[in-house]
Amino acid sequence: MLKITYEDGGATETIQYDSAKDFMANQRLEVPDLEDYYKIQNVTLDGKPIDLDDKTIIGLYKHFDDQGV
């Protein structure tokens, strides 16, 4: 399970996906769940934190893309 806690206009929101692949597929949609520029406060995959250099949704997308997800 992928769990993302992010900032949306000053509010803190949390969204979950069954897998990183589900997140990637959703971000490829014409209207994805999350905007690329949202700032990530915390992200975990199967309960393990993911360390990102770019703490935005696009940064998370690129992280998984680099891993071939």
Protein backbone atom coordinates (compact mmCIF):
# COMPACT_ATOMS: atom_id res chain seq x y z
CA MET A 1 0.00 0.00 0.00
CA LEU A 2 1.26 3.46 -0.95
CA LYS A 3 0.23 6.19 1.48
CA ILE A 4 0.88 9.85 0.62
CA THR A 5 0.34 12.77 3.00
CA TYR A 6 0.51 16.05 1.12
CA GLU A 7 -0.37 19.75 1.30
CA ASP A 8 -3.22 21.06 -0.85
CA GLY A 9 -3.69 24.81 -0.52
CA GLY A 10 -2.57 24.85 3.11
CA ALA A 11 -4.68 21.83 4.08
CA THR A 12 -3.09 18.48 4.84
CA GLU A 13 -4.61 15.55 2.96
CA THR A 14 -3.87 11.82 2.78
CA ILE A 15 -4.48 9.46 -0.13
CA GLN A 16 -3.76 5.75 -0.49
CA TYR A 17 -3.16 3.50 -3.48
CA ASP A 18 -2.96 -0.29 -3.51
CA SER A 19 0.47 -0.09 -5.14
CA ALA A 20 3.03 2.23 -6.71
CA LYS A 21 1.80 0.99 -10.12
CA ASP A 22 -1.72 2.20 -9.30
CA PHE A 23 -0.32 5.63 -8.36
CA MET A 24 1.68 5.81 -11.60
CA ALA A 25 -1.34 4.80 -13.71
CA ASN A 26 -3.52 7.41 -12.03
CA GLN A 27 -0.96 10.18 -12.58
CA ARG A 28 -0.99 9.36 -16.32
CA LEU A 29 -4.72 10.08 -16.58
CA GLU A 30 -5.95 13.26 -18.25
CA VAL A 31 -7.23 14.38 -14.83
CA PRO A 32 -5.13 12.67 -12.11
CA ASP A 33 -6.03 12.59 -8.40
CA LEU A 34 -3.04 14.76 -7.49
CA GLU A 35 -1.47 17.87 -8.98
CA ASP A 36 2.25 17.59 -9.80
CA TYR A 37 3.18 20.56 -7.61
CA TYR A 38 1.57 19.32 -4.34
CA LYS A 39 4.19 19.18 -1.59
CA ILE A 40 4.59 15.80 0.09
CA GLN A 41 4.90 15.74 3.87
CA ASN A 42 5.22 11.97 4.18
CA VAL A 43 5.09 8.97 1.87
CA THR A 44 5.33 5.27 2.71
CA LEU A 45 5.25 2.12 0.61
CA ASP A 46 4.20 -0.99 2.52
CA GLY A 47 4.85 0.89 5.77
CA LYS A 48 8.41 1.88 4.84
CA PRO A 49 9.22 5.58 4.32
CA ILE A 50 10.42 6.75 0.91
CA ASP A 51 13.18 9.36 0.95
CA LEU A 52 12.76 11.89 -1.85
CA ASP A 53 15.07 14.68 -3.02
CA ASP A 54 12.10 16.40 -4.72
CA LYS A 55 9.26 16.27 -2.18
CA THR A 56 6.46 16.90 -4.68
CA ILE A 57 4.05 14.58 -6.47
CA ILE A 58 6.09 14.87 -9.68
CA GLY A 59 9.19 14.03 -7.64
CA LEU A 60 7.50 10.86 -6.37
CA TYR A 61 6.40 10.00 -9.89
CA LYS A 62 9.98 10.42 -11.18
CA HIS A 63 11.28 8.32 -8.28
CA PHE A 64 9.09 5.40 -9.29
CA ASP A 65 9.70 6.00 -13.02
CA ASP A 66 13.46 5.78 -12.41
CA GLN A 67 12.87 2.43 -10.70
CA GLY A 68 10.91 1.16 -13.71
CA VAL A 69 7.55 0.95 -11.97
